[in-house]
Protein backbone atom coordinates (compact mmCIF):
# COMPACT_ATOMS: atom_id res chain seq x y z
CA MET A 1 0.12 0.11 0.43
CA SER A 2 2.80 2.62 0.52
CA LYS A 3 4.50 2.10 -2.66
CA MET A 4 1.20 2.23 -4.41
CA ASN A 5 0.81 5.72 -2.55
CA ARG A 6 3.85 6.88 -3.37
CA ILE A 7 3.11 6.27 -6.81
CA LYS A 8 0.05 8.03 -6.70
CA ASP A 9 1.89 11.16 -4.84
CA SER A 10 4.40 11.03 -7.98
CA THR A 11 1.75 11.51 -10.43
CA LEU A 12 -0.24 14.36 -8.41
CA SER A 13 3.24 16.07 -7.82
CA ASP A 14 4.39 15.20 -11.98
CA LYS A 15 0.58 17.19 -12.42
CA ILE A 16 0.86 19.80 -10.43
CA LEU A 17 4.13 20.36 -11.54
CA ASP A 18 3.23 20.39 -14.88
CA VAL A 19 0.13 22.64 -14.55
CA ILE A 20 3.04 25.20 -13.00
CA VAL A 21 5.27 24.81 -16.24
CA CYS A 22 2.30 25.34 -18.64
CA ILE A 23 1.06 28.26 -16.73
CA VAL A 24 5.00 29.63 -16.72
CA TYR A 25 5.26 29.35 -20.46
CA ALA A 26 1.31 30.74 -20.66
CA VAL A 27 2.48 33.85 -18.69
CA PHE A 28 5.64 34.03 -21.13
CA ALA A 29 4.22 33.20 -24.53
CA PHE A 30 1.71 36.44 -23.67
CA ILE A 31 4.47 38.55 -22.68
CA CYS A 32 6.09 37.77 -26.08
CA VAL A 33 3.01 38.18 -28.36
CA TYR A 34 1.04 40.73 -26.98
CA PRO A 35 2.88 43.90 -27.64
CA PHE A 36 2.71 42.71 -31.27
CA TYR A 37 -0.67 42.04 -30.78
CA TYR A 38 -1.39 45.32 -28.95
CA ILE A 39 -0.08 47.22 -32.01
CA PHE A 40 -1.70 45.12 -34.96
CA ILE A 41 -5.19 45.80 -33.22
CA ASN A 42 -4.07 49.80 -32.64
CA THR A 43 -3.70 50.07 -36.53
CA ILE A 44 -6.82 48.76 -37.66
CA SER A 45 -8.95 50.47 -34.72
CA ASN A 46 -10.67 53.80 -34.84
CA ASN A 47 -7.13 56.01 -35.12
CA LYS A 48 -9.02 58.50 -32.04
CA LEU A 49 -9.33 55.91 -29.83
CA SER A 50 -5.97 54.69 -30.82
CA GLU A 51 -4.57 57.87 -30.09
CA GLN A 52 -6.48 58.22 -26.20
CA GLY A 53 -5.35 54.69 -24.98
CA ALA A 54 -8.98 53.25 -25.52
CA VAL A 55 -7.52 50.21 -27.27
CA LEU A 56 -6.16 47.35 -25.28
CA TRP A 57 -8.03 44.22 -25.89
CA TYR A 58 -9.24 44.35 -28.78
CA PRO A 59 -10.03 46.45 -32.35
CA LYS A 60 -12.66 48.85 -32.09
CA GLN A 61 -14.00 50.46 -35.16
CA ILE A 62 -11.89 48.00 -37.54
CA HIS A 63 -10.78 49.92 -40.87
CA PHE A 64 -7.74 49.02 -42.97
CA ASP A 65 -7.66 52.72 -43.86
CA ASN A 66 -3.75 53.00 -42.30
CA TYR A 67 -2.66 50.61 -44.38
CA THR A 68 -3.44 51.87 -47.35
CA ALA A 69 -2.39 55.32 -46.67
CA ALA A 70 1.09 54.17 -45.27
CA PHE A 71 1.68 52.80 -49.06
CA ARG A 72 1.23 55.97 -49.94
CA ILE A 73 4.69 57.31 -48.58
CA PRO A 74 6.78 58.17 -51.32
CA SER A 75 9.81 56.18 -50.29
CA LEU A 76 8.59 53.33 -48.84
CA GLY A 77 8.60 51.31 -51.65
CA GLN A 78 11.69 51.75 -52.59
CA ALA A 79 13.49 51.56 -48.63
CA ALA A 80 11.49 47.53 -49.04
CA PHE A 81 12.51 46.93 -52.40
CA ILE A 82 16.36 47.68 -51.37
CA SER A 83 15.59 46.10 -47.90
CA VAL A 84 14.47 42.77 -49.32
CA SER A 85 17.62 43.12 -51.64
CA ARG A 86 19.88 43.39 -49.19
CA THR A 87 18.09 40.58 -47.06
CA VAL A 88 17.96 37.53 -49.81
CA ILE A 89 21.07 38.68 -50.95
CA VAL A 90 23.58 38.47 -48.14
CA THR A 91 22.00 36.30 -46.74
CA LEU A 92 22.24 33.26 -49.60
CA LEU A 93 25.95 34.60 -49.98
CA VAL A 94 26.52 34.56 -45.91
CA VAL A 95 24.90 30.75 -46.05
CA LEU A 96 27.62 29.18 -48.83
CA ILE A 97 30.51 31.19 -48.00
CA SER A 98 30.23 30.20 -44.21
CA ALA A 99 29.35 26.55 -45.41
CA PHE A 100 32.34 26.56 -47.67
CA THR A 101 34.61 27.78 -45.48
CA ALA A 102 33.98 25.82 -42.86
CA TYR A 103 33.86 22.52 -44.85
CA MET A 104 37.41 23.74 -45.94
CA PHE A 105 38.19 24.07 -41.88
CA THR A 106 37.03 20.59 -41.36
CA ARG A 107 39.79 19.11 -43.71
CA GLU A 108 43.09 18.33 -42.71
CA THR A 109 44.51 18.56 -45.67
CA LEU A 110 44.30 22.69 -45.91
CA TRP A 111 47.35 24.16 -45.07
CA LYS A 112 47.82 25.76 -42.00
CA ARG A 113 44.43 24.92 -40.97
CA LYS A 114 44.77 26.09 -37.21
CA PHE A 115 45.94 29.22 -38.10
CA TRP A 116 43.41 30.05 -40.64
CA PHE A 117 40.72 28.75 -38.32
CA ARG A 118 42.08 30.77 -35.67
CA PHE A 119 42.69 33.93 -37.70
CA VAL A 120 38.85 34.21 -38.91
CA MET A 121 37.79 33.55 -34.86
CA ILE A 122 39.80 36.29 -33.08
CA THR A 123 37.76 38.82 -35.65
CA MET A 124 34.46 37.42 -33.17
CA TYR A 125 36.01 39.12 -30.04
CA PHE A 126 38.39 41.91 -31.52
CA ASN A 127 37.10 44.79 -33.52
CA ALA A 128 38.36 48.66 -34.16
CA GLY A 129 35.37 50.74 -33.69
CA ILE A 130 32.87 52.44 -35.68
CA ILE A 131 35.20 55.41 -36.86
CA PRO A 132 37.97 53.20 -38.40
CA TRP A 133 35.33 50.83 -39.88
CA TYR A 134 33.44 54.11 -41.16
CA LEU A 135 36.99 55.30 -42.70
CA THR A 136 37.73 52.05 -44.33
CA MET A 137 34.11 51.91 -45.83
CA MET A 138 34.81 55.29 -46.53
CA ASN A 139 38.80 54.73 -48.80
CA LEU A 140 36.51 51.66 -50.32
CA LYS A 141 34.34 53.83 -52.06
CA LEU A 142 31.24 52.12 -50.20
CA THR A 143 29.38 54.75 -49.26
CA ASN A 144 26.48 55.51 -50.93
CA ASN A 145 27.06 52.26 -52.59
CA PHE A 146 25.13 49.00 -52.14
CA LEU A 147 27.60 47.07 -52.43
CA GLY A 148 28.24 48.99 -48.67
CA TYR A 149 25.52 46.29 -47.37
CA VAL A 150 26.37 43.13 -48.95
CA LEU A 151 29.99 42.75 -48.50
CA PRO A 152 31.09 43.85 -44.64
CA GLY A 153 29.10 41.15 -43.71
CA LEU A 154 29.66 38.12 -45.91
CA VAL A 155 32.42 36.33 -43.41
CA ALA A 156 30.70 35.58 -40.23
CA PRO A 157 32.57 33.96 -37.71
CA PHE A 158 30.22 32.91 -35.40
CA TYR A 159 28.25 31.37 -38.35
CA ILE A 160 31.49 29.42 -39.86
CA LEU A 161 32.57 27.96 -36.01
CA LEU A 162 28.23 26.83 -36.12
CA THR A 163 28.52 25.00 -39.37
CA LYS A 164 31.98 23.37 -38.48
CA THR A 165 31.01 22.06 -35.46
CA TYR A 166 28.18 20.70 -37.47
CA ILE A 167 30.38 19.65 -39.90
CA GLU A 168 33.19 17.62 -37.44
CA GLY A 169 29.72 15.65 -36.04
CA LEU A 170 28.87 14.18 -39.83
CA PRO A 171 30.28 10.43 -40.10
CA LYS A 172 33.43 10.58 -42.00
CA SER A 173 32.82 7.72 -43.84
CA ILE A 174 30.42 9.73 -46.53
CA GLN A 175 33.31 11.94 -47.23
CA GLU A 176 35.63 8.72 -47.89
CA ALA A 177 33.55 7.25 -49.86
CA ALA A 178 32.81 10.29 -52.66
CA GLN A 179 37.11 10.28 -52.47
CA ILE A 180 37.18 7.28 -53.53
CA ASP A 181 34.65 7.72 -56.03
CA GLY A 182 36.88 10.40 -57.32
CA ALA A 183 34.95 13.34 -56.40
CA GLY A 184 36.94 16.55 -55.42
CA ILE A 185 36.11 19.39 -53.19
CA PHE A 186 33.74 20.70 -54.81
CA THR A 187 31.91 18.07 -55.60
CA ILE A 188 32.39 16.75 -51.98
CA PHE A 189 30.95 20.35 -50.88
CA SER A 190 27.93 21.03 -53.11
CA ARG A 191 27.07 17.09 -53.29
CA VAL A 192 27.55 15.60 -50.10
CA ILE A 193 28.18 18.15 -47.32
CA PHE A 194 25.69 20.75 -48.05
CA PRO A 195 22.72 18.49 -48.69
CA VAL A 196 23.03 16.83 -45.42
CA SER A 197 23.64 20.17 -44.05
CA THR A 198 20.53 21.67 -44.68
CA PRO A 199 19.55 22.38 -40.49
CA ILE A 200 22.84 24.46 -39.39
CA LEU A 201 22.19 26.52 -42.54
CA SER A 202 18.59 26.79 -42.22
CA THR A 203 19.18 28.35 -38.47
CA ILE A 204 22.32 30.48 -40.04
CA ALA A 205 19.90 31.24 -42.92
CA ILE A 206 17.18 33.11 -40.23
CA PHE A 207 19.97 34.57 -38.07
CA SER A 208 21.57 36.32 -41.45
CA ALA A 209 18.11 37.58 -42.77
CA VAL A 210 16.55 38.75 -39.44
CA THR A 211 20.12 40.93 -39.01
CA GLN A 212 19.93 42.08 -42.25
CA TRP A 213 16.28 43.09 -42.35
CA ASN A 214 16.51 44.94 -38.72
CA SER A 215 20.03 46.57 -39.51
CA PHE A 216 19.79 50.46 -39.93
CA GLN A 217 23.17 51.91 -38.37
CA ASP A 218 24.83 51.24 -41.59
CA THR A 219 22.57 52.73 -43.43
CA LEU A 220 22.88 55.81 -41.00
CA LEU A 221 26.21 56.21 -41.46
CA LEU A 222 27.15 55.24 -44.53
CA MET A 223 24.12 56.45 -46.90
CA THR A 224 23.12 59.75 -47.59
CA ASN A 225 21.29 58.94 -51.13
CA GLU A 226 17.72 58.47 -49.88
CA LYS A 227 17.30 55.40 -52.97
CA LEU A 228 19.50 53.10 -51.23
CA PHE A 229 17.54 53.84 -47.53
CA THR A 230 16.24 50.66 -45.94
CA LEU A 231 13.25 49.83 -44.66
CA GLN A 232 14.20 50.37 -40.94
CA PHE A 233 15.72 53.44 -41.54
CA VAL A 234 12.72 54.71 -42.91
CA LEU A 235 10.75 53.65 -39.89
CA TYR A 236 13.54 54.73 -37.22
CA ARG A 237 12.98 58.23 -39.10
CA TYR A 238 9.32 58.54 -39.11
CA LEU A 239 9.63 57.60 -35.62
CA GLN A 240 11.81 60.71 -34.87
CA SER A 241 8.99 63.02 -37.54
CA SER A 242 5.85 61.22 -37.11
CA SER A 243 4.17 63.94 -36.74
CA SER A 244 5.01 65.60 -40.07
CA LEU A 245 4.56 62.04 -41.83
CA SER A 246 1.01 61.95 -40.57
CA SER A 247 0.37 65.69 -41.93
CA ILE A 248 1.71 63.98 -45.30
CA VAL A 249 -0.16 60.86 -45.56
CA ASN A 250 -3.48 63.09 -44.73
CA SER A 251 -2.83 65.45 -47.24
CA SER A 252 -2.01 62.65 -49.70
CA SER A 253 -5.77 61.19 -48.76
CA GLY A 254 -7.46 64.14 -49.42
CA ALA A 255 -9.19 67.11 -47.30
CA ALA A 256 -12.17 64.60 -46.46
CA ALA A 257 -10.04 62.03 -44.77
CA LEU A 258 -8.86 64.81 -41.90
CA MET A 259 -12.49 64.67 -40.91
CA ALA A 260 -13.08 61.45 -40.80
CA ALA A 261 -12.29 59.42 -37.57
CA ASN A 262 -9.80 57.53 -38.60
CA ALA A 263 -7.83 59.91 -39.98
CA GLN A 264 -3.99 59.52 -39.74
CA THR A 265 -2.17 60.09 -36.16
CA GLN A 266 1.16 59.97 -35.28
CA THR A 267 0.44 56.77 -32.67
CA SER A 268 -1.53 55.26 -35.75
CA ILE A 269 1.45 56.14 -38.20
CA ARG A 270 4.15 54.56 -36.09
CA MET A 271 2.48 51.69 -35.39
CA THR A 272 1.25 50.74 -38.90
CA VAL A 273 5.04 51.34 -40.54
CA THR A 274 6.07 49.10 -37.57
CA ILE A 275 3.75 46.26 -38.39
CA ILE A 276 4.40 46.65 -42.27
CA VAL A 277 8.36 46.08 -41.31
CA ALA A 278 7.54 43.29 -38.62
CA LEU A 279 5.34 41.27 -40.94
CA PRO A 280 7.83 39.60 -43.63
CA ILE A 281 10.40 38.03 -41.15
CA LEU A 282 7.03 36.80 -39.24
CA LEU A 283 5.88 35.61 -42.31
CA VAL A 284 9.16 33.70 -43.40
CA TYR A 285 10.31 32.38 -39.94
CA PRO A 286 7.70 29.58 -39.69
CA PHE A 287 9.50 27.88 -42.69
CA PHE A 288 13.01 27.35 -40.98
CA GLN A 289 11.31 27.00 -37.50
CA ARG A 290 11.58 22.91 -38.07
CA TYR A 291 15.04 23.29 -38.48
CA PHE A 292 15.89 26.25 -36.25
CA ILE A 293 16.68 24.03 -32.69
CA LYS A 294 18.02 21.15 -33.73
CA GLY A 295 20.37 22.92 -36.18
CA ILE A 296 21.26 25.27 -33.56
CA MET A 297 22.36 22.03 -31.05
CA ILE A 298 23.81 20.03 -33.28
CA GLY A 299 25.96 23.04 -34.80
CA ALA A 300 26.25 24.36 -30.57
CA VAL A 301 27.71 21.11 -29.19
CA LYS A 302 29.88 18.51 -30.35
CA GLY A 303 29.34 14.92 -28.78
């Protein structure tokens, strides 16, 4: 009987612990999701109510005029094109370069392999600072140049480290079998290593895409040509001058819009542009999520 009681007590305590864990995770999830939800419901609610802070849990007097008005902002389309371009181009190149560099660092036949690996890794811990970086970029004529977005981030030591650790965990027999069949370095990389490294490559693709999409400091330092402004930088400028932006949007919407309840305000403009900027990454992430946990765990821990 005592043994049965201990089993029942253990089962009851496990259930209580499960409930507590679920509650904690639910609260944590709510804290993470609510800010974005709050911004979204305010973008589709009556702008006057939103300005007064009356929209907290659900949208009121739903409309979508804020989004149609936001797309009338003159520079938004060009900024979106620049952001998408830099994100796609840099992410693809970073994945390819990181994968190939990491693969080469795993080959014992590479000349001075340990030296080159440490030479690349040391850049994770030391940098010259913003001013020397800016002077270097200026001397390389990368100011007001789209390549200023692309070239500086192509070699990413952290991504190389993750990928190298992942490749080292793969069975060496698959490479040896390819070598016996006469495959060279590029053939082994493209047909053997790259296809089986999907989890870690998807992980670094997420990291790189989010970094590139959210970046605005390089635009602030390097670009004065408005045609090269990124979406995040445009958002940054609009958040700094949302009052003038709301005037522009309202004037482009006509006098009738100014009298309507959903006339654009500083709050509606800030929140709407924020949603527009954040939405693409939120849509892309679910496609990579299934690889994310597996990739980061295998790439970070070598058994």
